[in-house]
Amino acid sequence: MRKYIFFVSVILMGACQSPAVFEKYEEQPDEVWNRYHIVEFTADIPDSGQYIVKLCLRHTTDYEMANLWCFVSTRSHGQEQLSDTVNLKIAEPDGRWLGKGNSIKTLEQPINRNPVTLPQGNVIFRIEQGMRMEEMAGVKDVGIKIEKVQTQG
């Protein structure tokens, strides 16, 4: 009976998750993100359609702020597709971390409230640190995760 419950649980968990078509992180030297260092990824989008694009962050508990402002833009076929300012909430007002993990916290936050339309082919994502401080200590990795919106039917 235990094996049956475990098997059903695994199946249900897999059915609820949308597989990422792209997920990549860039490590920040000495766990410091300088505002002049632009993180850039090129994602090969398998087909045009609706996607959820998430800004991903791994930080240490040495990070001193409750949020992180980022400027995110995309380009494809030589044209800018999307440009947005994202406020990544990292901690509650009482100081509790929102990310998963112990000494290294991992966060994922959608860039937009609604899915975005991405064209097939290479899409370039650029992420800039938008805080007032030139260097943000405690930032280990910055990344992007892209998930295809699953249509019903």
Protein backbone atom coordinates (compact mmCIF):
# COMPACT_ATOMS: atom_id res chain seq x y z
CA MET A 1 0.00 0.00 0.00
CA ARG A 2 2.86 2.38 0.82
CA LYS A 3 4.39 1.83 -2.59
CA TYR A 4 1.04 2.63 -4.23
CA ILE A 5 0.65 5.90 -2.27
CA PHE A 6 4.23 6.90 -3.07
CA PHE A 7 3.72 6.11 -6.78
CA VAL A 8 0.49 8.14 -6.96
CA SER A 9 2.14 11.05 -5.11
CA VAL A 10 5.03 11.13 -7.58
CA ILE A 11 2.64 11.08 -10.55
CA LEU A 12 0.52 13.91 -9.12
CA MET A 13 3.55 16.06 -8.29
CA GLY A 14 4.86 15.66 -11.83
CA ALA A 15 1.50 16.56 -13.35
CA CYS A 16 1.35 19.86 -11.43
CA GLN A 17 4.70 21.15 -12.60
CA SER A 18 5.36 22.85 -15.88
CA PRO A 19 8.68 21.69 -17.33
CA ALA A 20 11.22 24.42 -17.89
CA VAL A 21 12.31 24.90 -21.49
CA PHE A 22 15.28 26.94 -20.22
CA GLU A 23 16.93 27.39 -16.85
CA LYS A 24 20.36 28.85 -16.31
CA TYR A 25 22.25 30.73 -13.61
CA GLU A 26 25.38 32.87 -13.72
CA GLU A 27 27.64 32.83 -10.68
CA GLN A 28 28.63 36.26 -9.37
CA PRO A 29 32.35 36.69 -8.60
CA ASP A 30 33.02 36.74 -4.84
CA GLU A 31 29.22 36.64 -4.28
CA VAL A 32 28.97 40.34 -5.18
CA TRP A 33 26.76 41.66 -7.99
CA ASN A 34 28.10 44.92 -9.38
CA ARG A 35 25.51 47.18 -10.98
CA TYR A 36 27.68 47.53 -14.10
CA HIS A 37 27.82 43.77 -14.64
CA ILE A 38 24.91 42.76 -16.88
CA VAL A 39 23.90 39.11 -16.72
CA GLU A 40 22.98 37.83 -20.18
CA PHE A 41 21.50 34.53 -21.34
CA THR A 42 20.50 33.29 -24.79
CA ALA A 43 17.57 30.89 -24.65
CA ASP A 44 16.57 28.70 -27.58
CA ILE A 45 12.76 28.85 -27.45
CA PRO A 46 11.35 25.67 -29.07
CA ASP A 47 8.18 27.27 -30.46
CA SER A 48 6.37 30.59 -30.28
CA GLY A 49 3.72 30.83 -27.62
CA GLN A 50 2.91 31.81 -24.06
CA TYR A 51 5.64 31.42 -21.44
CA ILE A 52 6.17 32.23 -17.80
CA VAL A 53 9.57 33.89 -17.38
CA LYS A 54 10.99 33.83 -13.86
CA LEU A 55 13.84 35.83 -12.39
CA CYS A 56 15.90 33.49 -10.22
CA LEU A 57 18.27 34.37 -7.41
CA ARG A 58 20.54 32.43 -5.08
CA HIS A 59 21.82 34.51 -2.21
CA THR A 60 23.57 33.98 1.08
CA THR A 61 22.25 35.10 4.44
CA ASP A 62 24.84 37.91 4.23
CA TYR A 63 22.53 39.78 1.83
CA GLU A 64 21.56 42.95 3.71
CA MET A 65 18.38 44.09 1.95
CA ALA A 66 14.77 42.89 1.94
CA ASN A 67 14.48 43.19 -1.84
CA LEU A 68 16.44 43.48 -5.07
CA TRP A 69 15.43 45.75 -7.95
CA CYS A 70 16.37 44.45 -11.40
CA PHE A 71 15.95 45.71 -14.94
CA VAL A 72 15.08 42.87 -17.31
CA SER A 73 14.97 43.12 -21.10
CA THR A 74 14.67 40.67 -23.97
CA ARG A 75 15.69 40.81 -27.62
CA SER A 76 14.92 38.51 -30.48
CA HIS A 77 15.37 38.86 -34.21
CA GLY A 78 17.26 42.12 -33.52
CA GLN A 79 14.35 43.85 -31.77
CA GLU A 80 13.62 44.53 -28.12
CA GLN A 81 10.60 42.46 -27.09
CA LEU A 82 10.18 43.13 -23.38
CA SER A 83 11.60 45.62 -20.91
CA ASP A 84 10.53 45.68 -17.29
CA THR A 85 11.59 46.64 -13.79
CA VAL A 86 11.24 43.81 -11.30
CA ASN A 87 11.20 44.14 -7.51
CA LEU A 88 12.34 40.77 -6.20
CA LYS A 89 11.10 40.43 -2.62
CA ILE A 90 13.74 38.58 -0.61
CA ALA A 91 12.67 38.94 3.03
CA GLU A 92 9.59 39.65 5.11
CA PRO A 93 9.46 42.95 7.06
CA ASP A 94 10.40 41.01 10.21
CA GLY A 95 13.58 39.75 8.49
CA ARG A 96 12.50 36.17 7.69
CA TRP A 97 13.95 34.98 4.39
CA LEU A 98 11.47 34.03 1.67
CA GLY A 99 13.72 31.71 -0.31
CA LYS A 100 14.22 27.98 0.07
CA GLY A 101 17.38 26.62 1.62
CA ASN A 102 19.58 27.18 4.66
CA SER A 103 22.78 29.20 4.23
CA ILE A 104 22.03 29.73 0.52
CA LYS A 105 18.48 30.83 -0.28
CA THR A 106 16.90 30.23 -3.70
CA LEU A 107 14.07 32.40 -5.04
CA GLU A 108 12.07 32.35 -8.27
CA GLN A 109 9.67 35.17 -9.14
CA PRO A 110 7.72 35.67 -12.37
CA ILE A 111 8.83 38.80 -14.21
CA ASN A 112 5.26 39.58 -15.29
CA ARG A 113 1.87 38.91 -13.73
CA ASN A 114 0.69 37.29 -16.95
CA PRO A 115 2.48 34.93 -19.33
CA VAL A 116 4.44 36.60 -22.13
CA THR A 117 4.54 35.68 -25.80
CA LEU A 118 7.99 34.62 -26.94
CA PRO A 119 8.96 33.89 -30.54
CA GLN A 120 10.58 30.67 -31.66
CA GLY A 121 14.36 30.78 -31.81
CA ASN A 122 17.03 32.60 -29.84
CA VAL A 123 15.82 35.12 -27.28
CA ILE A 124 18.42 37.15 -25.39
CA PHE A 125 17.67 38.00 -21.75
CA ARG A 126 19.59 40.82 -20.04
CA ILE A 127 19.38 41.37 -16.28
CA GLU A 128 20.80 44.46 -14.59
CA GLN A 129 21.05 45.08 -10.87
CA GLY A 130 18.98 48.22 -10.20
CA MET A 131 19.78 49.03 -6.59
CA ARG A 132 21.26 52.35 -5.45
CA MET A 133 24.35 50.59 -4.09
CA GLU A 134 26.99 49.82 -6.69
CA GLU A 135 27.76 46.40 -5.25
CA MET A 136 25.31 43.99 -3.66
CA ALA A 137 27.14 41.53 -1.40
CA GLY A 138 25.60 38.14 -0.76
CA VAL A 139 24.35 37.56 -4.33
CA LYS A 140 25.66 34.15 -5.33
CA ASP A 141 23.86 33.44 -8.64
CA VAL A 142 21.42 35.26 -10.93
CA GLY A 143 19.31 33.32 -13.38
CA ILE A 144 16.30 32.92 -15.64
CA LYS A 145 13.78 30.09 -15.79
CA ILE A 146 11.32 29.84 -18.68
CA GLU A 147 8.26 27.58 -18.55
CA LYS A 148 5.83 26.94 -21.39
CA VAL A 149 2.22 27.60 -20.44
CA GLN A 150 0.36 24.32 -20.65
CA THR A 151 -2.90 24.62 -22.59
CA GLN A 152 -5.96 22.65 -21.54
CA GLY A 153 -7.31 20.05 -23.92
